[in-house]
Amino acid sequence: LIRIHGTSAGSGVNGLYFTNSSDGSTIRGLMITKFSKDGIYIASGADSITIAGNWVGTTGTGSTGVGNSNTGIESFAVGTRIEGNVITNSGNDGINLSNSSVTGYIIQGNIIGLDPDGATGAGNVDVGLAILNGTGNTIGGTTAAARNVISKNYEGIEINTANNTIQGNYIGTDISGTLNRGNRSGDGVQIQGTATNTIVGGTAAGAGNLIAYNAGKGVAILAGTGHQVLGNSIYSNTGLGIDLGTTTGVSVNNGTKSSSLPNYEMDYPVITGTALGGGILNVSGYVGSAASQSTFANARVEFFKAAADSSGYGEGQTYLGYL
């Protein structure tokens, strides 16, 4: 890697600044440290930029005091690919997508918050990945190569916009998926603002995220509707594995839904009976406050081997199947 070091660059200076005449550029193999603003800044109009294989805010495992003062990578453009980077020690977010023109980003294979070894490090001061504006972005994927490791930040991922997909990531663990490297104060994934139609996990092989050891909730849905949280392994978070609404903790089923509430504040399933026969497990129950309600008809109900938690409801650690 070639190091670009900003100690003598002055105040308010980015490590790299892409203007609207730099469309299609690729940055690879750089070490970008100690700049007084962002490590990499991509201006509106600087479209189809690829940022791949760089270390932003670190000189290697164990390095400290070399982070960039604001955000590791900040973008206001369209169609950027951020792949295979290490982004840590930033004074603000690891990655921040901040303009309404930010669409169709691919964010894959990055280590966000840990050192290049994927196990140590202190994280970014604020959110690992913050999508504040722009829609239709892909975070991770269904293969190991596409997986982001987003750990040791203040919070893992913050989503404020529509139609984003989060799949196959490790959020709160090391690169092996076994060690506690939880995001320090917030949630693993927080969905808020004007966010709608977020997909966290999925039904395809490899789509589920591993979300564990975070200081807040595993997935917090604070606003918007149409969000799907499917097939993930969620455990050992301080708060609930999945929490709807701005009131912390388990909400009592009420059999109603409202488009003004996060995911209609959907009720949780109630299992009333099980019977095993002929190798088939039959499960009966309902979603709502009483049997025979149609409010949440045709809901997908997933079953997990639960990890116990202080709420008494557990977190869905090992996916078993669905109805």
Protein backbone atom coordinates (compact mmCIF):
# COMPACT_ATOMS: atom_id res chain seq x y z
CA LEU A 1 0.00 0.00 0.00
CA ILE A 2 1.08 3.59 -0.69
CA ARG A 3 0.52 5.91 2.25
CA ILE A 4 -0.97 9.41 1.95
CA HIS A 5 -0.53 11.09 5.34
CA GLY A 6 -2.26 14.35 6.19
CA THR A 7 -0.43 15.63 9.26
CA SER A 8 1.05 18.59 7.37
CA ALA A 9 -1.87 19.15 4.97
CA GLY A 10 -3.56 21.83 7.07
CA SER A 11 -7.10 22.24 8.37
CA GLY A 12 -10.28 21.31 6.49
CA VAL A 13 -8.44 19.06 4.03
CA ASN A 14 -9.66 15.73 2.65
CA GLY A 15 -7.25 12.94 1.80
CA LEU A 16 -8.77 12.51 -1.66
CA TYR A 17 -11.46 14.73 -3.20
CA PHE A 18 -13.38 13.56 -6.28
CA THR A 19 -14.99 16.35 -8.30
CA ASN A 20 -17.80 16.01 -10.85
CA SER A 21 -15.22 15.61 -13.63
CA SER A 22 -13.74 12.43 -12.14
CA ASP A 23 -16.49 9.99 -13.18
CA GLY A 24 -15.41 6.37 -13.49
CA SER A 25 -12.22 6.70 -11.43
CA THR A 26 -10.80 3.79 -9.42
CA ILE A 27 -8.76 4.19 -6.24
CA ARG A 28 -6.94 1.07 -5.10
CA GLY A 29 -4.07 0.20 -2.78
CA LEU A 30 -3.76 3.40 -0.74
CA MET A 31 -3.32 4.01 2.96
CA ILE A 32 -5.06 7.32 3.84
CA THR A 33 -4.40 8.64 7.32
CA LYS A 34 -4.58 11.66 9.61
CA PHE A 35 -6.37 14.18 7.39
CA SER A 36 -8.25 16.97 9.13
CA LYS A 37 -11.51 16.27 7.27
CA ASP A 38 -12.55 13.08 5.38
CA GLY A 39 -10.27 10.33 4.23
CA ILE A 40 -12.11 10.22 0.88
CA TYR A 41 -14.76 12.74 -0.24
CA ILE A 42 -16.85 12.07 -3.38
CA ALA A 43 -18.71 15.18 -4.58
CA SER A 44 -22.10 15.23 -6.27
CA GLY A 45 -21.64 14.40 -9.96
CA ALA A 46 -18.55 12.25 -9.43
CA ASP A 47 -20.40 9.13 -10.51
CA SER A 48 -19.36 5.48 -10.82
CA ILE A 49 -16.28 5.78 -8.61
CA THR A 50 -14.68 2.55 -7.30
CA ILE A 51 -12.93 2.59 -3.92
CA ALA A 52 -11.31 -0.82 -3.43
CA GLY A 53 -8.57 -2.39 -1.36
CA ASN A 54 -7.59 0.67 0.66
CA TRP A 55 -6.86 1.25 4.33
CA VAL A 56 -8.59 4.41 5.52
CA GLY A 57 -7.56 5.55 8.99
CA THR A 58 -5.11 2.76 9.78
CA THR A 59 -1.52 1.78 9.02
CA GLY A 60 -2.11 -1.78 10.09
CA THR A 61 -3.18 -3.88 13.01
CA GLY A 62 -2.59 -2.11 16.30
CA SER A 63 -2.16 1.38 14.86
CA THR A 64 -3.74 4.25 16.79
CA GLY A 65 -3.89 8.01 16.40
CA VAL A 66 -3.90 7.95 12.58
CA GLY A 67 -7.61 8.20 11.88
CA ASN A 68 -9.10 10.93 9.71
CA SER A 69 -10.83 13.65 11.73
CA ASN A 70 -14.27 13.46 10.12
CA THR A 71 -15.58 10.53 8.03
CA GLY A 72 -13.58 7.74 6.44
CA ILE A 73 -15.49 7.79 3.12
CA GLU A 74 -18.23 10.36 2.47
CA SER A 75 -20.19 10.42 -0.77
CA PHE A 76 -22.73 12.65 -2.50
CA ALA A 77 -22.63 10.87 -5.86
CA VAL A 78 -24.28 8.00 -7.78
CA GLY A 79 -23.21 4.41 -8.36
CA THR A 80 -20.08 4.22 -6.22
CA ARG A 81 -18.61 0.82 -5.34
CA ILE A 82 -16.89 0.56 -1.95
CA GLU A 83 -15.24 -2.86 -1.82
CA GLY A 84 -12.56 -4.62 0.21
CA ASN A 85 -11.46 -1.63 2.29
CA VAL A 86 -10.52 -1.27 5.94
CA ILE A 87 -12.15 1.86 7.38
CA THR A 88 -11.54 2.67 11.03
CA ASN A 89 -10.47 5.25 13.61
CA SER A 90 -12.53 8.01 11.95
CA GLY A 91 -13.58 10.95 14.11
CA ASN A 92 -17.13 10.61 12.80
CA ASP A 93 -18.67 7.82 10.65
CA GLY A 94 -16.82 5.08 8.83
CA ILE A 95 -18.90 5.53 5.65
CA ASN A 96 -21.52 8.26 5.19
CA LEU A 97 -23.85 8.52 2.17
CA SER A 98 -25.32 11.98 2.50
CA ASN A 99 -27.02 13.27 -0.63
CA SER A 100 -30.37 12.43 -2.22
CA SER A 101 -28.53 11.58 -5.45
CA VAL A 102 -26.79 8.67 -3.72
CA THR A 103 -28.34 5.62 -5.37
CA GLY A 104 -27.29 2.12 -6.25
CA TYR A 105 -24.19 1.90 -4.09
CA ILE A 106 -22.48 -1.46 -3.68
CA ILE A 107 -20.77 -1.78 -0.30
CA GLN A 108 -19.14 -5.20 -0.03
CA GLY A 109 -16.22 -6.98 1.56
CA ASN A 110 -15.20 -4.14 3.86
CA ILE A 111 -13.98 -4.17 7.44
CA ILE A 112 -15.60 -1.15 9.09
CA GLY A 113 -14.39 -0.44 12.61
CA LEU A 114 -11.79 -3.16 13.13
CA ASP A 115 -8.12 -3.33 12.18
CA PRO A 116 -6.98 -5.18 9.04
CA ASP A 117 -6.77 -8.42 11.01
CA GLY A 118 -10.54 -8.26 11.42
CA ALA A 119 -10.28 -8.94 15.15
CA THR A 120 -8.78 -5.95 16.98
CA GLY A 121 -9.27 -2.20 16.91
CA ALA A 122 -11.33 0.54 18.55
CA GLY A 123 -13.78 1.41 15.77
CA ASN A 124 -15.05 4.64 14.29
CA VAL A 125 -16.27 7.30 16.73
CA ASP A 126 -19.82 7.32 15.36
CA VAL A 127 -21.74 5.00 13.00
CA GLY A 128 -19.95 2.35 10.96
CA LEU A 129 -22.18 2.92 7.91
CA ALA A 130 -24.73 5.75 7.79
CA ILE A 131 -27.10 6.07 4.82
CA LEU A 132 -28.68 9.46 5.41
CA ASN A 133 -29.99 10.13 1.89
CA GLY A 134 -30.33 8.19 -1.35
CA THR A 135 -32.00 4.87 -2.09
CA GLY A 136 -31.52 1.38 -3.44
CA ASN A 137 -28.14 0.56 -1.95
CA THR A 138 -26.69 -2.92 -1.37
CA ILE A 139 -24.74 -3.67 1.79
CA GLY A 140 -23.10 -7.09 1.66
CA GLY A 141 -24.46 -10.03 -0.31
CA THR A 142 -24.94 -13.78 -0.21
CA THR A 143 -21.28 -14.82 -0.59
CA ALA A 144 -18.42 -14.68 1.92
CA ALA A 145 -16.53 -12.29 -0.37
CA ALA A 146 -19.41 -9.80 -0.25
CA ARG A 147 -19.64 -9.84 3.55
CA ASN A 148 -18.89 -6.65 5.47
CA VAL A 149 -17.67 -6.85 9.06
CA ILE A 150 -19.10 -3.84 10.90
CA SER A 151 -18.00 -3.83 14.50
CA LYS A 152 -16.68 -1.74 17.41
CA ASN A 153 -18.29 1.46 16.15
CA TYR A 154 -20.71 3.58 18.18
CA GLU A 155 -23.48 1.94 16.13
CA GLY A 156 -23.32 -0.56 13.29
CA ILE A 157 -25.60 0.55 10.41
CA GLU A 158 -28.03 3.46 10.33
CA ILE A 159 -30.63 3.56 7.53
CA ASN A 160 -32.73 6.65 6.83
CA THR A 161 -33.86 5.98 3.24
CA ALA A 162 -35.88 3.59 1.08
CA ASN A 163 -35.15 0.26 -0.61
CA ASN A 164 -31.82 -0.67 0.95
CA THR A 165 -30.69 -4.30 1.23
CA ILE A 166 -28.46 -5.58 4.07
CA GLN A 167 -27.38 -9.19 3.60
CA GLY A 168 -24.69 -11.61 4.72
CA ASN A 169 -22.83 -9.25 7.05
CA TYR A 170 -21.23 -9.75 10.46
CA ILE A 171 -22.40 -6.90 12.68
CA GLY A 172 -20.83 -6.94 16.13
CA THR A 173 -18.37 -9.82 15.76
CA ASP A 174 -14.86 -10.32 14.43
CA ILE A 175 -14.16 -11.59 10.92
CA SER A 176 -14.58 -15.22 12.05
CA GLY A 177 -18.09 -14.53 13.34
CA THR A 178 -17.24 -15.86 16.81
CA LEU A 179 -15.64 -13.14 18.96
CA ASN A 180 -17.48 -10.35 20.77
CA ARG A 181 -16.69 -7.11 18.95
CA GLY A 182 -20.06 -5.46 19.47
CA ASN A 183 -20.81 -1.94 18.38
CA ARG A 184 -20.18 0.05 21.52
CA SER A 185 -23.31 2.07 22.36
CA GLY A 186 -26.04 1.76 19.73
CA ASP A 187 -27.85 -0.89 17.75
CA GLY A 188 -26.52 -3.38 15.25
CA VAL A 189 -28.91 -2.02 12.61
CA GLN A 190 -31.11 1.02 13.19
CA ILE A 191 -33.85 1.91 10.69
CA GLN A 192 -35.25 5.41 11.13
CA GLY A 193 -36.19 8.71 9.49
CA THR A 194 -37.86 8.25 6.12
CA ALA A 195 -36.72 4.65 5.67
CA THR A 196 -39.11 2.21 3.98
CA ASN A 197 -38.82 -1.26 2.44
CA THR A 198 -35.50 -2.20 4.02
CA ILE A 199 -34.46 -5.84 3.66
CA VAL A 200 -32.32 -7.17 6.52
CA GLY A 201 -31.39 -10.74 5.62
CA GLY A 202 -33.57 -12.71 3.25
CA THR A 203 -34.67 -16.17 2.20
CA ALA A 204 -31.80 -17.05 -0.15
CA ALA A 205 -28.82 -19.07 1.04
CA GLY A 206 -26.25 -16.77 2.62
CA ALA A 207 -28.60 -13.78 2.86
CA GLY A 208 -28.92 -13.79 6.65
CA ASN A 209 -26.78 -11.45 8.71
CA LEU A 210 -25.03 -12.36 11.95
CA ILE A 211 -25.96 -9.59 14.43
CA ALA A 212 -24.55 -10.09 17.92
CA TYR A 213 -22.97 -8.49 20.99
CA ASN A 214 -24.19 -4.97 20.23
CA ALA A 215 -24.75 -2.59 23.16
CA GLY A 216 -28.25 -1.70 21.95
CA LYS A 217 -30.74 -3.82 20.03
CA GLY A 218 -29.92 -6.22 17.26
CA VAL A 219 -32.29 -4.54 14.79
CA ALA A 220 -34.25 -1.44 15.81
CA ILE A 221 -37.06 -0.32 13.50
CA LEU A 222 -37.97 3.19 14.58
CA ALA A 223 -39.84 4.41 11.50
CA GLY A 224 -41.33 3.41 8.16
CA THR A 225 -43.14 0.36 6.81
CA GLY A 226 -42.38 -2.52 4.46
CA HIS A 227 -39.24 -3.58 6.33
CA GLN A 228 -38.34 -7.28 6.20
CA VAL A 229 -36.06 -8.91 8.79
CA LEU A 230 -35.63 -12.50 7.65
CA GLY A 231 -33.31 -15.45 8.21
CA ASN A 232 -30.76 -13.68 10.40
CA SER A 233 -28.79 -15.03 13.34
CA ILE A 234 -29.37 -12.53 16.16
CA TYR A 235 -28.12 -13.11 19.69
CA SER A 236 -26.29 -11.69 22.73
CA ASN A 237 -27.35 -8.11 22.11
CA THR A 238 -28.08 -6.00 25.19
CA GLY A 239 -31.54 -5.00 23.94
CA LEU A 240 -34.13 -7.03 22.07
CA GLY A 241 -33.08 -8.94 18.99
CA ILE A 242 -35.70 -7.07 16.92
CA ASP A 243 -37.54 -4.08 18.36
CA LEU A 244 -40.33 -2.11 16.70
CA GLY A 245 -41.12 1.45 17.71
CA THR A 246 -39.48 4.09 19.83
CA THR A 247 -40.49 2.52 23.15
CA THR A 248 -37.76 0.16 24.27
CA GLY A 249 -38.78 -3.37 25.13
CA VAL A 250 -41.51 -5.85 24.28
CA SER A 251 -44.80 -4.25 23.19
CA VAL A 252 -48.01 -6.01 24.19
CA ASN A 253 -50.04 -7.39 21.27
CA ASN A 254 -53.13 -5.29 20.55
CA GLY A 255 -54.48 -6.80 17.33
CA THR A 256 -54.30 -3.51 15.44
CA LYS A 257 -51.98 -1.89 12.95
CA SER A 258 -51.37 1.66 11.82
CA SER A 259 -49.41 2.95 8.84
CA SER A 260 -48.08 5.74 11.07
CA LEU A 261 -46.21 3.23 13.25
CA PRO A 262 -42.95 1.40 12.42
CA ASN A 263 -43.86 -1.69 10.39
CA TYR A 264 -47.46 -1.06 11.49
CA GLU A 265 -46.17 -2.08 14.95
CA MET A 266 -46.96 -5.63 13.94
CA ASP A 267 -47.89 -8.04 16.72
CA TYR A 268 -45.65 -11.00 17.49
CA PRO A 269 -46.80 -14.61 16.93
CA VAL A 270 -48.40 -16.57 19.75
CA ILE A 271 -47.94 -20.36 19.65
CA THR A 272 -50.85 -22.23 21.18
CA GLY A 273 -49.91 -25.81 20.46
CA THR A 274 -47.46 -28.21 18.83
CA ALA A 275 -47.76 -31.86 17.83
CA LEU A 276 -45.14 -34.14 16.34
CA GLY A 277 -46.29 -37.05 14.23
CA GLY A 278 -44.86 -39.00 11.33
CA GLY A 279 -41.76 -36.84 11.34
CA ILE A 280 -43.83 -33.69 10.86
CA LEU A 281 -44.14 -30.94 13.46
CA ASN A 282 -47.55 -29.28 13.41
CA VAL A 283 -47.71 -25.83 14.97
CA SER A 284 -50.84 -23.86 15.76
CA GLY A 285 -51.21 -20.27 16.86
CA TYR A 286 -51.91 -16.77 15.65
CA VAL A 287 -50.44 -13.31 15.13
CA GLY A 288 -52.35 -10.68 17.06
CA SER A 289 -54.13 -10.35 20.38
CA ALA A 290 -56.55 -13.25 19.86
CA ALA A 291 -57.15 -16.20 17.57
CA SER A 292 -59.07 -15.75 14.30
CA GLN A 293 -58.02 -12.13 13.78
CA SER A 294 -57.33 -11.27 10.14
CA THR A 295 -55.31 -8.12 10.80
CA PHE A 296 -51.97 -9.81 10.15
CA ALA A 297 -53.19 -12.55 7.81
CA ASN A 298 -50.56 -14.17 5.55
CA ALA A 299 -47.69 -13.01 7.73
CA ARG A 300 -44.49 -15.05 7.42
CA VAL A 301 -43.59 -16.53 10.80
CA GLU A 302 -40.00 -17.73 11.21
CA PHE A 303 -38.84 -20.20 13.86
CA PHE A 304 -35.46 -20.16 15.57
CA LYS A 305 -33.57 -21.89 18.30
CA ALA A 306 -33.54 -18.99 20.70
CA ALA A 307 -30.72 -17.49 22.69
CA ALA A 308 -32.03 -16.54 26.13
CA ASP A 309 -32.00 -12.87 27.10
CA SER A 310 -33.14 -10.69 29.98
CA SER A 311 -36.52 -9.93 28.36
CA GLY A 312 -37.58 -13.55 28.68
CA TYR A 313 -38.49 -13.65 24.99
CA GLY A 314 -35.04 -14.61 23.67
CA GLU A 315 -33.31 -13.74 20.38
CA GLY A 316 -33.42 -15.78 17.18
CA GLN A 317 -29.96 -17.33 16.98
CA THR A 318 -30.40 -20.43 14.81
CA TYR A 319 -32.93 -20.40 11.96
CA LEU A 320 -35.10 -23.52 11.78
CA GLY A 321 -37.85 -22.78 9.24
CA TYR A 322 -40.99 -20.78 8.62
CA LEU A 323 -44.75 -20.90 8.17
